[in-house]
Structure formats: C-alpha cells, structure tokens
Amino acid sequence: MIRPPGKHQLALMIWIAVFPTLTVLNLALGGWLRTMSAVPRTFVLATISVPIVIYGLMPQLHRLRAWLLAHSGRHGTT
C-alpha cells in the first residue's frame, strides 16, 4: 500500500501543477487579462486554474507518484 504524500511532496506536486498552468493561462489570455485590474485578473486565473489543477493535473501526478514508488521499491516513504 502506498501512503499519501507527505506535506513536502504534496507541496512540490502542487507547485508542479500550478506553475505551468498559470504560465500557459497567462500566455494564452495575457492580452485580455492585461486590461483588468489585479483583483479581477486574479479571480479569472483562479477560476480557470483551480479546476484544471485539482481535477486534471493532481490526479495524474498522484498516479505518477504511485507508479514511481511502486517501481522504485519505496512504498510511501517521504
């Protein structure tokens, strides 16, 4: 049984998911976002990026982590 990630592993996984997502969104929507002030721009980015990260990327990263641990012989160590 593979244990859930520790807080440091989870923080790294979140960073790996969030940084590229925000980068792509900023590149794709940069012109449109540039016309907004900081609060609406942040709201739009969060509204789009949170579902992408939580429902799209984090499950993939959890599966990748489980696969890596299963194939390295280390089951759930942090």
Protein backbone atom coordinates (compact mmCIF):
# COMPACT_ATOMS: atom_id res chain seq x y z
CA MET A 1 0.00 0.00 0.00
CA ILE A 2 1.38 3.37 -1.00
CA ARG A 3 0.86 6.05 1.63
CA PRO A 4 -0.38 9.53 0.75
CA PRO A 5 2.30 12.09 0.02
CA GLY A 6 3.86 13.96 2.89
CA LYS A 7 3.42 17.71 3.11
CA HIS A 8 6.68 18.44 1.28
CA GLN A 9 5.89 16.01 -1.54
CA LEU A 10 2.36 17.43 -1.80
CA ALA A 11 3.71 20.98 -1.90
CA LEU A 12 6.07 20.00 -4.73
CA MET A 13 3.27 18.25 -6.63
CA ILE A 14 1.04 21.32 -6.30
CA TRP A 15 3.84 23.59 -7.50
CA ILE A 16 4.49 21.29 -10.47
CA ALA A 17 0.79 21.54 -11.38
CA VAL A 18 0.17 25.23 -10.64
CA PHE A 19 3.21 26.92 -12.18
CA PRO A 20 2.82 25.57 -15.73
CA THR A 21 -0.96 26.04 -15.59
CA LEU A 22 -0.65 29.70 -14.64
CA THR A 23 2.11 30.22 -17.19
CA VAL A 24 0.02 28.78 -20.03
CA LEU A 25 -3.05 30.75 -18.97
CA ASN A 26 -1.08 33.97 -18.76
CA LEU A 27 0.38 33.38 -22.22
CA ALA A 28 -2.98 32.41 -23.71
CA LEU A 29 -5.05 35.12 -22.04
CA GLY A 30 -2.39 37.76 -21.47
CA GLY A 31 -3.84 40.35 -23.82
CA TRP A 32 -7.31 40.06 -22.35
CA LEU A 33 -6.07 39.88 -18.75
CA ARG A 34 -3.85 42.94 -19.21
CA THR A 35 -6.92 45.14 -19.43
CA MET A 36 -8.10 44.07 -15.95
CA SER A 37 -7.01 45.28 -12.55
CA ALA A 38 -5.27 42.85 -10.19
CA VAL A 39 -8.31 41.50 -8.31
CA PRO A 40 -10.47 40.57 -11.33
CA ARG A 41 -7.40 39.19 -13.14
CA THR A 42 -6.57 37.01 -10.13
CA PHE A 43 -10.20 35.88 -9.87
CA VAL A 44 -10.28 34.84 -13.53
CA LEU A 45 -6.96 32.98 -13.27
CA ALA A 46 -8.02 31.19 -10.07
CA THR A 47 -11.44 30.29 -11.50
CA ILE A 48 -9.84 28.68 -14.54
CA SER A 49 -6.70 27.20 -12.99
CA VAL A 50 -8.09 25.59 -9.81
CA PRO A 51 -10.34 23.07 -11.62
CA ILE A 52 -7.55 22.30 -14.11
CA VAL A 53 -5.12 21.61 -11.28
CA ILE A 54 -7.49 19.74 -8.93
CA TYR A 55 -9.42 17.64 -11.45
CA GLY A 56 -6.93 17.36 -14.28
CA LEU A 57 -3.34 17.54 -13.12
CA MET A 58 -3.26 16.42 -9.48
CA PRO A 59 -4.84 13.00 -10.15
CA GLN A 60 -2.23 12.44 -12.87
CA LEU A 61 0.57 13.47 -10.51
CA HIS A 62 -0.76 11.16 -7.78
CA ARG A 63 -0.81 8.27 -10.26
CA LEU A 64 2.70 9.11 -11.44
CA ARG A 65 3.94 9.27 -7.84
CA ALA A 66 2.33 5.90 -7.04
CA TRP A 67 3.86 4.35 -10.16
CA LEU A 68 7.30 5.76 -9.33
CA LEU A 69 7.12 4.50 -5.76
CA ALA A 70 5.89 1.07 -6.86
CA HIS A 71 8.74 0.75 -9.35
CA SER A 72 11.43 2.07 -7.06
CA GLY A 73 10.60 -0.29 -4.19
CA ARG A 74 9.91 2.61 -1.82
CA HIS A 75 6.29 2.38 -0.69
CA GLY A 76 5.10 5.64 0.78
CA THR A 77 8.27 6.92 2.34
CA THR A 78 8.72 10.68 2.35
